[in-house]
Amino acid sequence: MRVALLLLAGLALSGCGLVALPFRVTGDVIQVVPVVGKPIGAPIHAVGDAID
């Protein structure tokens, strides 16, 4: 029973990367824009880091 609960908890936590992916991709795409990309893309990318 404990093993099953540990496996279930591991699967539930692995989904966090799936939620964070759109924020990371959007932040990376915005950071490519000259001049304003870095200041605007960094906080969006940080949201993905906070989710993980």
Protein backbone atom coordinates (compact mmCIF):
# COMPACT_ATOMS: atom_id res chain seq x y z
CA MET A 1 0.00 0.00 0.00
CA ARG A 2 2.82 2.43 0.82
CA VAL A 3 4.56 1.75 -2.46
CA ALA A 4 1.37 2.48 -4.38
CA LEU A 5 0.92 5.78 -2.52
CA LEU A 6 4.51 6.79 -3.23
CA LEU A 7 4.11 6.02 -6.92
CA LEU A 8 0.85 7.95 -7.06
CA ALA A 9 2.44 10.96 -5.34
CA GLY A 10 5.39 10.82 -7.75
CA LEU A 11 3.10 10.83 -10.76
CA ALA A 12 1.08 13.74 -9.41
CA LEU A 13 4.20 15.85 -8.82
CA SER A 14 5.64 15.13 -12.25
CA GLY A 15 2.74 17.02 -13.83
CA CYS A 16 4.13 20.33 -12.53
CA GLY A 17 6.60 20.46 -15.40
CA LEU A 18 3.71 20.16 -17.81
CA VAL A 19 2.03 23.19 -16.26
CA ALA A 20 5.27 25.21 -16.21
CA LEU A 21 6.17 24.49 -19.84
CA PRO A 22 3.95 27.17 -21.47
CA PHE A 23 5.39 29.85 -19.18
CA ARG A 24 8.95 28.82 -19.93
CA VAL A 25 8.41 28.67 -23.68
CA THR A 26 6.59 32.02 -23.73
CA GLY A 27 9.33 33.62 -21.64
CA ASP A 28 12.02 32.28 -23.96
CA VAL A 29 10.22 33.49 -27.07
CA ILE A 30 9.69 36.97 -25.61
CA GLN A 31 13.34 37.23 -24.53
CA VAL A 32 14.38 37.03 -28.19
CA VAL A 33 12.72 40.39 -28.94
CA PRO A 34 15.38 43.11 -29.04
CA VAL A 35 15.50 45.79 -26.32
CA VAL A 36 12.30 44.88 -24.41
CA GLY A 37 12.60 41.11 -24.51
CA LYS A 38 14.79 40.53 -21.46
CA PRO A 39 12.85 42.68 -18.94
CA ILE A 40 9.48 41.31 -20.04
CA GLY A 41 10.48 37.69 -20.62
CA ALA A 42 12.38 37.18 -17.37
CA PRO A 43 9.36 37.42 -15.03
CA ILE A 44 7.31 35.12 -17.25
CA HIS A 45 10.14 32.57 -17.20
CA ALA A 46 10.38 32.99 -13.42
CA VAL A 47 6.74 31.93 -13.08
CA GLY A 48 7.67 28.62 -14.70
CA ASP A 49 10.51 28.24 -12.22
CA ALA A 50 8.18 29.00 -9.32
CA ILE A 51 5.72 26.34 -10.45
CA ASP A 52 8.46 23.71 -10.43
